[in-house]
């Protein structure tokens, strides 16, 4: 089994996990028919002097469970074994994070031992990640992975009061976050929504040890995808095949669709103006190189996911994901070489950005080891196939009638998980808006619980 950064594949980062379903069965009382300890292994998330925080999953519902010792009995957070004795001094509160309503309250817990995993890894799973989501760069695929990880590990996200954008076309400002969704520390664990980078403001709401990640794509293919996805032919009054017949000066004068989408899209998302002098562009790329710990490459997605797995010290299963928000092959049109050349000239600053980080990626793969990379990519693809099979995934159009949650555009393909599959399968196949709503509901409950 391939492992990332010496973290065992069966370990849950930052959690003390009950070993197996079989060992869990019968060891916890069932508080009503909704909560079944055998449905999924409960996880001990934190142990403090006053509180034990646990979560479990039952079918498509995630639970947060709090056990509070009123007798002030000291619990050592470093103990591998945590004994939970049956006593009226323990209170069990179960909250359904989907409906945001408490379900039941118990006064006792069966006397059993919850075993923590032995941490033999030489690195700690990252809990603080800043992912700058770039338009049409396969960023939705990476976003889905981080959203699921944060949800499953009870981490907090930078979230607006509604929707799934944080500013844009305005630069990000800390005040764009929903105050009711901010921890008391005013710092969040994860940043994953579309936003225009504003480093000082981003840093203001992030932890000092946050790892910065983004993703780039070959600029001609990015612009073609952007043009098709947002229907820019209607905005500009001509289609993409006419670009090579237009003077470059005319193309450079084209405005941004909704002030948001247009040329040099990656640099724009990264907080820079559409036009930069050669010296400004050089400094911008140098600044971004210093700031980001990893710049993923869309065309090398699986290699990038392996590098992400090792950077974050997550498990290979943590970085398994399905392609999200990508156009179906049957709606894509191949562009002639002259059109592609024109698009690269129009997006010349993005070309320089992309080429720089493509070289960085190639160097990282060489340092990692080409055969080792090939082995880990093969394992990642095997795991993806395993999820595809076990989740009962069907590929459908983004606006298919069978979908409860439809995609933004009917040009994209999406996935329909079997209705009896687990919550992770459902989340892997959810469109961004629906998944963000789910995360927002979860965070409301989580903050209330932790405070």
Protein backbone atom coordinates (compact mmCIF):
# COMPACT_ATOMS: atom_id res chain seq x y z
CA UNK A 1 0.00 0.00 0.00
CA UNK A 2 1.41 3.36 -1.05
CA UNK A 3 1.56 5.90 1.78
CA UNK A 4 1.91 9.67 1.79
CA UNK A 5 4.58 11.20 3.99
CA UNK A 6 4.82 8.20 6.29
CA UNK A 7 1.19 8.50 7.37
CA UNK A 8 -0.48 5.11 7.46
CA UNK A 9 -3.26 4.79 4.90
CA UNK A 10 -5.72 3.54 7.50
CA UNK A 11 -5.04 6.38 9.94
CA UNK A 12 -7.30 9.37 10.23
CA UNK A 13 -5.16 12.53 10.51
CA UNK A 14 -5.45 14.23 13.85
CA UNK A 15 -8.00 11.70 15.18
CA UNK A 16 -8.01 8.76 17.52
CA UNK A 17 -10.12 6.28 15.60
CA UNK A 18 -11.86 3.18 16.91
CA UNK A 19 -10.19 0.24 15.13
CA UNK A 20 -13.09 -1.40 13.31
CA UNK A 21 -16.85 -1.64 12.99
CA UNK A 22 -16.78 -5.02 14.64
CA UNK A 23 -15.01 -3.72 17.73
CA UNK A 24 -17.46 -0.83 17.93
CA UNK A 25 -20.61 -2.92 17.64
CA UNK A 26 -22.29 -3.32 20.97
CA UNK A 27 -19.82 -1.10 22.78
CA UNK A 28 -21.96 2.02 22.80
CA UNK A 29 -25.57 2.38 23.77
CA UNK A 30 -27.85 3.24 20.89
CA UNK A 31 -29.60 6.51 21.62
CA UNK A 32 -32.75 6.00 19.61
CA UNK A 33 -33.00 4.34 16.17
CA UNK A 34 -31.17 7.22 14.45
CA UNK A 35 -27.79 6.59 16.06
CA UNK A 36 -26.14 3.24 15.43
CA UNK A 37 -22.61 2.82 16.76
CA UNK A 38 -22.07 0.01 14.29
CA UNK A 39 -22.94 2.17 11.27
CA UNK A 40 -19.53 3.82 11.23
CA UNK A 41 -16.64 3.91 13.69
CA UNK A 42 -16.92 6.90 16.03
CA UNK A 43 -13.82 9.07 16.24
CA UNK A 44 -12.33 10.78 19.27
CA UNK A 45 -11.44 14.28 18.07
CA UNK A 46 -10.12 15.95 21.19
CA UNK A 47 -9.67 15.34 24.86
CA UNK A 48 -9.48 18.21 27.31
CA UNK A 49 -9.87 18.58 31.06
CA UNK A 50 -13.59 19.24 30.69
CA UNK A 51 -14.71 17.66 27.46
CA UNK A 52 -14.42 14.74 25.09
CA UNK A 53 -15.43 15.52 21.48
CA UNK A 54 -16.44 12.55 19.35
CA UNK A 55 -18.17 12.16 15.99
CA UNK A 56 -19.80 9.27 14.19
CA UNK A 57 -21.62 8.79 10.92
CA UNK A 58 -24.85 6.91 10.23
CA UNK A 59 -25.70 6.52 6.55
CA UNK A 60 -25.88 10.06 5.13
CA UNK A 61 -25.88 11.89 8.45
CA UNK A 62 -22.83 13.20 10.31
CA UNK A 63 -22.99 13.48 14.08
CA UNK A 64 -21.15 15.56 16.60
CA UNK A 65 -21.15 14.06 20.08
CA UNK A 66 -19.97 15.84 23.21
CA UNK A 67 -19.29 14.15 26.49
CA UNK A 68 -18.78 16.56 29.40
CA UNK A 69 -17.52 15.30 32.78
CA UNK A 70 -19.23 17.40 35.45
CA UNK A 71 -17.05 15.94 38.20
CA UNK A 72 -14.01 17.75 36.75
CA UNK A 73 -12.13 14.46 36.53
CA UNK A 74 -8.83 15.08 34.77
CA UNK A 75 -8.43 13.44 31.36
CA UNK A 76 -4.92 13.35 29.98
CA UNK A 77 -5.01 14.27 26.28
CA UNK A 78 -1.78 12.32 25.74
CA UNK A 79 -3.20 8.97 26.85
CA UNK A 80 -3.56 6.40 24.10
CA UNK A 81 -6.43 4.81 26.02
CA UNK A 82 -9.41 6.83 27.17
CA UNK A 83 -11.74 5.03 29.52
CA UNK A 84 -15.31 6.27 29.43
CA UNK A 85 -17.11 5.02 32.53
CA UNK A 86 -20.86 4.70 32.85
CA UNK A 87 -21.90 7.44 35.21
CA UNK A 88 -24.57 10.08 35.58
CA UNK A 89 -21.80 12.65 35.69
CA UNK A 90 -21.45 12.34 31.90
CA UNK A 91 -23.80 14.09 29.52
CA UNK A 92 -24.19 12.93 25.92
CA UNK A 93 -25.51 15.38 23.37
CA UNK A 94 -26.16 14.27 19.80
CA UNK A 95 -26.61 16.88 17.08
CA UNK A 96 -27.68 16.27 13.49
CA UNK A 97 -25.49 18.64 11.48
CA UNK A 98 -27.67 18.34 8.39
CA UNK A 99 -30.84 19.69 10.02
CA UNK A 100 -29.00 21.64 12.75
CA UNK A 101 -31.30 20.20 15.45
CA UNK A 102 -30.44 18.29 18.64
CA UNK A 103 -31.89 14.77 18.49
CA UNK A 104 -31.60 13.36 21.97
CA UNK A 105 -29.80 13.78 25.26
CA UNK A 106 -28.60 10.87 27.37
CA UNK A 107 -27.09 10.81 30.84
CA UNK A 108 -24.80 7.83 30.66
CA UNK A 109 -22.36 5.99 28.46
CA UNK A 110 -21.54 2.29 28.51
CA UNK A 111 -18.28 1.50 30.28
CA UNK A 112 -15.87 0.78 27.47
CA UNK A 113 -12.42 1.78 26.28
CA UNK A 114 -11.94 3.91 23.21
CA UNK A 115 -8.52 3.17 21.81
CA UNK A 116 -6.48 5.79 20.04
CA UNK A 117 -4.18 5.01 17.12
CA UNK A 118 -0.46 4.79 17.70
CA UNK A 119 1.06 7.76 15.90
CA UNK A 120 4.19 6.45 14.27
CA UNK A 121 4.34 9.03 11.51
CA UNK A 122 7.13 11.54 11.32
CA UNK A 123 4.88 14.37 10.21
CA UNK A 124 1.56 15.70 11.38
CA UNK A 125 -1.43 16.00 9.04
CA UNK A 126 -1.94 19.62 8.03
CA UNK A 127 -5.10 21.21 9.36
CA UNK A 128 -4.51 24.70 7.98
CA UNK A 129 -4.67 25.16 4.20
CA UNK A 130 -5.17 28.19 1.98
CA UNK A 131 -6.36 27.01 -1.46
CA UNK A 132 -6.71 29.83 -3.99
CA UNK A 133 -9.38 28.53 -6.39
CA UNK A 134 -8.57 29.61 -9.94
CA UNK A 135 -11.26 29.63 -12.64
CA UNK A 136 -11.42 26.70 -15.10
CA UNK A 137 -8.23 25.06 -13.81
CA UNK A 138 -9.82 21.89 -12.37
CA UNK A 139 -9.86 23.73 -9.06
CA UNK A 140 -13.34 22.39 -8.21
CA UNK A 141 -11.84 18.89 -8.04
CA UNK A 142 -9.26 19.99 -5.47
CA UNK A 143 -11.82 22.09 -3.61
CA UNK A 144 -14.11 19.08 -3.18
CA UNK A 145 -11.24 17.10 -1.66
CA UNK A 146 -10.45 19.81 0.90
CA UNK A 147 -14.11 20.46 1.72
CA UNK A 148 -14.62 16.78 2.49
CA UNK A 149 -11.46 16.58 4.58
CA UNK A 150 -12.44 19.62 6.63
CA UNK A 151 -15.98 18.39 7.13
CA UNK A 152 -14.88 14.90 8.21
CA UNK A 153 -12.29 16.32 10.62
CA UNK A 154 -14.42 19.13 12.08
CA UNK A 155 -12.22 21.93 10.76
CA UNK A 156 -13.47 25.46 10.14
CA UNK A 157 -13.76 27.21 6.78
CA UNK A 158 -13.70 30.80 5.55
CA UNK A 159 -17.35 31.24 4.54
CA UNK A 160 -19.54 34.13 3.39
CA UNK A 161 -23.05 34.55 4.85
CA UNK A 162 -24.44 33.00 1.67
CA UNK A 163 -23.25 31.75 -1.70
CA UNK A 164 -19.84 30.31 -2.55
CA UNK A 165 -17.76 33.35 -3.54
CA UNK A 166 -15.69 35.54 -1.24
CA UNK A 167 -15.58 38.80 -3.13
CA UNK A 168 -14.38 38.66 -6.74
CA UNK A 169 -13.99 40.76 -8.76
CA UNK A 170 -13.15 42.71 -5.58
CA UNK A 171 -10.00 41.64 -3.79
CA UNK A 172 -10.64 39.52 -0.72
CA UNK A 173 -11.29 41.39 2.52
CA UNK A 174 -11.62 39.77 5.94
CA UNK A 175 -14.93 41.57 6.46
CA UNK A 176 -16.47 39.44 3.67
CA UNK A 177 -16.64 36.50 6.08
CA UNK A 178 -19.80 35.77 8.02
CA UNK A 179 -19.14 36.84 11.62
CA UNK A 180 -21.46 34.14 12.95
CA UNK A 181 -19.35 31.50 11.21
CA UNK A 182 -16.01 32.66 12.62
CA UNK A 183 -14.34 30.96 15.60
CA UNK A 184 -13.60 33.10 18.65
CA UNK A 185 -9.95 33.22 17.62
CA UNK A 186 -11.02 34.96 14.36
CA UNK A 187 -8.84 32.40 12.56
CA UNK A 188 -10.14 29.68 10.25
CA UNK A 189 -8.51 26.38 9.35
CA UNK A 190 -9.30 26.18 5.64
CA UNK A 191 -9.87 28.64 2.78
CA UNK A 192 -11.24 27.03 -0.41
CA UNK A 193 -13.79 29.31 -2.11
CA UNK A 194 -13.41 31.44 -5.23
CA UNK A 195 -11.76 34.72 -4.28
CA UNK A 196 -9.21 37.20 -5.56
CA UNK A 197 -6.01 36.87 -3.59
CA UNK A 198 -5.18 39.69 -1.19
CA UNK A 199 -2.32 38.25 0.88
CA UNK A 200 -2.43 40.61 3.86
CA UNK A 201 -6.19 40.16 4.26
CA UNK A 202 -6.03 36.41 3.66
CA UNK A 203 -3.27 36.08 6.25
CA UNK A 204 -5.30 38.04 8.79
CA UNK A 205 -7.82 35.20 9.11
CA UNK A 206 -5.40 32.27 8.71
CA UNK A 207 -3.08 30.50 11.14
CA UNK A 208 0.64 31.16 10.93
CA UNK A 209 1.40 27.59 9.87
CA UNK A 210 -1.09 27.61 6.98
CA UNK A 211 0.11 25.91 3.80
CA UNK A 212 -0.68 27.82 0.60
CA UNK A 213 -1.78 25.95 -2.53
CA UNK A 214 -3.21 26.88 -5.92
CA UNK A 215 -3.52 25.34 -9.39
CA UNK A 216 -2.76 26.54 -12.93
CA UNK A 217 -3.67 25.38 -16.44
CA UNK A 218 -2.29 25.83 -19.95
CA UNK A 219 -3.65 29.33 -20.81
CA UNK A 220 -5.02 28.70 -24.33
CA UNK A 221 -7.10 25.72 -23.15
CA UNK A 222 -8.16 27.67 -20.04
CA UNK A 223 -9.40 30.61 -22.10
CA UNK A 224 -11.24 28.32 -24.53
CA UNK A 225 -12.95 26.62 -21.58
CA UNK A 226 -13.79 29.98 -19.97
CA UNK A 227 -15.18 31.30 -23.26
CA UNK A 228 -17.42 28.28 -23.75
CA UNK A 229 -18.54 27.82 -20.13
CA UNK A 230 -19.64 31.43 -19.60
CA UNK A 231 -20.92 32.02 -23.13
CA UNK A 232 -18.54 34.87 -23.90
CA UNK A 233 -19.58 34.79 -27.55
CA UNK A 234 -22.76 36.53 -26.40
CA UNK A 235 -20.76 39.08 -24.42
CA UNK A 236 -18.28 39.89 -27.21
CA UNK A 237 -20.51 39.36 -30.23
CA UNK A 238 -18.25 36.84 -32.01
CA UNK A 239 -17.07 33.29 -31.47
CA UNK A 240 -13.64 31.91 -30.70
CA UNK A 241 -12.85 30.87 -34.26
CA UNK A 242 -12.86 34.54 -35.26
CA UNK A 243 -10.13 35.51 -32.77
CA UNK A 244 -7.27 34.79 -35.16
CA UNK A 245 -8.78 37.21 -37.68
CA UNK A 246 -9.01 40.08 -35.17
CA UNK A 247 -6.20 42.58 -34.49
CA UNK A 248 -4.53 41.78 -31.15
CA UNK A 249 -5.15 45.38 -30.06
CA UNK A 250 -8.90 44.84 -30.43
CA UNK A 251 -8.78 41.63 -28.42
CA UNK A 252 -6.73 43.26 -25.67
CA UNK A 253 -9.44 45.92 -25.34
CA UNK A 254 -12.17 43.36 -24.58
CA UNK A 255 -13.68 43.86 -21.12
CA UNK A 256 -14.14 41.20 -18.49
CA UNK A 257 -17.40 39.27 -18.44
CA UNK A 258 -19.26 40.44 -15.31
CA UNK A 259 -15.98 42.18 -14.42
CA UNK A 260 -14.79 38.72 -13.43
CA UNK A 261 -13.83 36.55 -16.43
CA UNK A 262 -11.41 37.36 -19.22
CA UNK A 263 -7.78 37.32 -20.32
CA UNK A 264 -4.93 36.41 -18.01
CA UNK A 265 -7.54 34.87 -15.75
CA UNK A 266 -5.09 33.10 -13.45
CA UNK A 267 -3.13 36.24 -12.61
CA UNK A 268 -6.41 38.10 -12.14
CA UNK A 269 -7.61 35.46 -9.66
CA UNK A 270 -4.22 35.73 -7.95
CA UNK A 271 -4.89 39.40 -7.30
CA UNK A 272 -3.10 41.12 -10.20
CA UNK A 273 -4.49 43.38 -12.96
CA UNK A 274 -5.00 41.99 -16.47
CA UNK A 275 -2.09 44.02 -17.85
CA UNK A 276 1.41 44.04 -16.35
CA UNK A 277 4.73 45.38 -17.59
CA UNK A 278 7.51 42.83 -18.07
CA UNK A 279 9.12 43.90 -14.80
CA UNK A 280 5.81 43.81 -12.90
CA UNK A 281 5.14 40.34 -14.27
CA UNK A 282 8.58 39.09 -13.25
CA UNK A 283 8.09 40.38 -9.70
CA UNK A 284 4.57 38.93 -9.55
CA UNK A 285 5.77 35.45 -10.47
CA UNK A 286 8.63 35.68 -7.97
CA UNK A 287 6.22 36.77 -5.22
CA UNK A 288 3.83 33.93 -5.99
CA UNK A 289 6.70 31.44 -6.06
CA UNK A 290 7.73 32.53 -2.57
CA UNK A 291 4.21 32.58 -1.21
CA UNK A 292 2.78 29.25 -2.39
CA UNK A 293 4.07 25.98 -1.01
CA UNK A 294 2.58 24.10 -3.97
CA UNK A 295 1.25 25.18 -7.35
CA UNK A 296 -0.56 22.25 -8.90
CA UNK A 297 -0.75 21.66 -12.66
CA UNK A 298 -4.17 20.87 -14.10
CA UNK A 299 -2.77 18.74 -16.93
CA UNK A 300 -0.74 16.74 -14.38
CA UNK A 301 -3.57 16.38 -11.87
CA UNK A 302 -2.70 12.97 -10.44
CA UNK A 303 0.96 13.88 -10.01
CA UNK A 304 -0.15 17.12 -8.37
CA UNK A 305 -2.46 15.25 -6.00
CA UNK A 306 0.41 12.99 -4.94
CA UNK A 307 2.54 16.07 -4.21
CA UNK A 308 -0.40 17.61 -2.32
CA UNK A 309 -0.81 14.41 -0.31
CA UNK A 310 2.83 14.55 0.78
CA UNK A 311 2.83 18.29 1.44
CA UNK A 312 -0.20 18.02 3.72
CA UNK A 313 0.82 14.68 5.24
CA UNK A 314 -2.62 13.26 4.44
CA UNK A 315 -3.43 9.70 3.38
CA UNK A 316 -3.91 8.67 -0.27
CA UNK A 317 -7.63 8.16 0.41
CA UNK A 318 -7.87 11.77 1.60
CA UNK A 319 -6.91 13.06 -1.85
CA UNK A 320 -9.14 10.78 -3.92
CA UNK A 321 -11.66 12.81 -5.88
CA UNK A 322 -13.75 12.80 -9.03
CA UNK A 323 -13.35 15.36 -11.77
CA UNK A 324 -15.70 18.23 -10.91
CA UNK A 325 -17.36 20.91 -13.05
CA UNK A 326 -15.58 19.87 -16.27
CA UNK A 327 -17.22 20.05 -19.69
CA UNK A 328 -18.26 16.82 -21.32
CA UNK A 329 -16.13 15.63 -24.23
CA UNK A 330 -19.10 15.79 -26.61
CA UNK A 331 -19.45 19.59 -26.18
CA UNK A 332 -15.77 20.44 -26.58
CA UNK A 333 -14.51 21.82 -29.89
CA UNK A 334 -10.94 21.51 -31.10
CA UNK A 335 -9.31 24.82 -32.02
CA UNK A 336 -7.01 25.28 -34.99
CA UNK A 337 -3.31 26.06 -34.34
CA UNK A 338 -3.66 29.73 -35.35
CA UNK A 339 -6.50 30.31 -32.88
CA UNK A 340 -4.45 28.66 -30.10
CA UNK A 341 -1.48 30.88 -31.00
CA UNK A 342 -3.70 33.98 -30.81
CA UNK A 343 -5.09 32.90 -27.43
CA UNK A 344 -1.58 32.48 -26.05
CA UNK A 345 -0.64 35.96 -27.28
CA UNK A 346 -3.78 37.37 -25.69
CA UNK A 347 -2.95 35.62 -22.42
CA UNK A 348 0.82 36.09 -22.56
CA UNK A 349 1.17 36.95 -18.86
CA UNK A 350 -0.62 33.74 -17.90
CA UNK A 351 1.66 31.85 -20.32
CA UNK A 352 4.72 33.11 -18.42
CA UNK A 353 3.09 32.18 -15.11
CA UNK A 354 2.14 28.71 -16.31
CA UNK A 355 5.53 27.94 -17.85
CA UNK A 356 7.30 28.94 -14.64
CA UNK A 357 5.23 26.64 -12.44
CA UNK A 358 5.24 23.82 -15.00
CA UNK A 359 9.04 23.85 -14.72
CA UNK A 360 8.68 23.87 -10.93
CA UNK A 361 6.38 20.86 -11.13
CA UNK A 362 8.74 18.94 -13.40
CA UNK A 363 11.59 19.63 -10.98
CA UNK A 364 9.46 18.48 -8.03
CA UNK A 365 8.58 15.21 -9.78
CA UNK A 366 12.24 14.57 -10.60
CA UNK A 367 13.23 15.20 -6.99
CA UNK A 368 10.38 13.01 -5.76
CA UNK A 369 11.51 10.17 -8.03
CA UNK A 370 9.86 9.36 -11.33
CA UNK A 371 9.28 5.68 -10.56
CA UNK A 372 8.00 6.47 -7.07
CA UNK A 373 5.66 9.05 -8.59
CA UNK A 374 4.42 6.57 -11.19
CA UNK A 375 3.73 4.00 -8.45
CA UNK A 376 1.80 6.47 -6.30
CA UNK A 377 -0.21 7.76 -9.28
CA UNK A 378 -1.15 4.15 -10.08
CA UNK A 379 -2.28 3.63 -6.49
CA UNK A 380 -4.28 6.86 -6.51
CA UNK A 381 -6.02 5.80 -9.72
CA UNK A 382 -6.76 2.39 -8.20
CA UNK A 383 -8.33 4.02 -5.16
CA UNK A 384 -10.40 6.31 -7.38
CA UNK A 385 -11.69 3.28 -9.28
CA UNK A 386 -12.50 1.60 -5.99
CA UNK A 387 -14.58 4.57 -4.85
CA UNK A 388 -16.25 4.76 -8.25
CA UNK A 389 -17.34 1.13 -7.92
CA UNK A 390 -18.24 1.12 -4.22
CA UNK A 391 -20.22 4.36 -4.49
CA UNK A 392 -22.22 3.01 -7.44
CA UNK A 393 -21.29 6.08 -9.48
CA UNK A 394 -23.10 6.92 -12.72
CA UNK A 395 -21.89 9.71 -15.01
CA UNK A 396 -24.69 12.04 -16.15
CA UNK A 397 -25.20 15.51 -17.60
CA UNK A 398 -24.97 18.36 -15.09
CA UNK A 399 -28.67 19.15 -15.58
CA UNK A 400 -29.88 15.53 -15.65
CA UNK A 401 -33.44 15.17 -14.31
CA UNK A 402 -32.34 12.48 -11.85
CA UNK A 403 -30.05 14.95 -10.03
CA UNK A 404 -31.27 16.44 -6.79
CA UNK A 405 -28.45 19.01 -6.92
CA UNK A 406 -27.80 20.26 -10.46
CA UNK A 407 -24.62 21.84 -11.80
CA UNK A 408 -24.29 25.47 -12.90
CA UNK A 409 -24.09 24.48 -16.58
CA UNK A 410 -25.53 21.64 -18.65
CA UNK A 411 -22.22 21.61 -20.57
CA UNK A 412 -20.52 19.78 -17.71
CA UNK A 413 -20.72 16.17 -16.72
CA UNK A 414 -21.31 15.13 -13.14
CA UNK A 415 -21.82 12.06 -10.99
CA UNK A 416 -24.76 10.39 -9.36
CA UNK A 417 -23.91 8.21 -6.37
CA UNK A 418 -26.07 5.29 -5.36
CA UNK A 419 -28.71 6.55 -2.91
CA UNK A 420 -27.66 3.91 -0.38
CA UNK A 421 -23.99 4.85 -0.49
CA UNK A 422 -22.27 6.60 2.42
CA UNK A 423 -21.88 10.29 3.10
CA UNK A 424 -18.40 10.48 1.57
CA UNK A 425 -19.76 9.11 -1.72
CA UNK A 426 -22.56 11.67 -1.64
CA UNK A 427 -20.14 14.51 -0.93
CA UNK A 428 -17.77 13.41 -3.71
CA UNK A 429 -20.62 13.71 -6.21
CA UNK A 430 -22.13 16.98 -4.92
CA UNK A 431 -21.91 20.26 -6.90
CA UNK A 432 -20.00 23.03 -5.16
CA UNK A 433 -23.01 25.17 -4.07
CA UNK A 434 -24.74 22.21 -2.40
CA UNK A 435 -21.59 21.02 -0.67
CA UNK A 436 -20.79 24.52 0.61
CA UNK A 437 -24.34 24.77 2.04
CA UNK A 438 -23.80 21.48 3.84
CA UNK A 439 -20.45 22.65 5.21
CA UNK A 440 -22.03 25.93 6.35
CA UNK A 441 -24.73 24.07 8.32
CA UNK A 442 -22.10 21.83 9.86
CA UNK A 443 -19.94 24.77 10.87
CA UNK A 444 -22.82 26.53 12.61
CA UNK A 445 -23.29 23.49 14.83
CA UNK A 446 -19.57 22.90 15.28
CA UNK A 447 -18.94 26.43 16.54
CA UNK A 448 -21.84 26.21 18.95
CA UNK A 449 -20.48 22.92 20.25
CA UNK A 450 -16.88 24.05 20.64
CA UNK A 451 -17.77 27.29 22.34
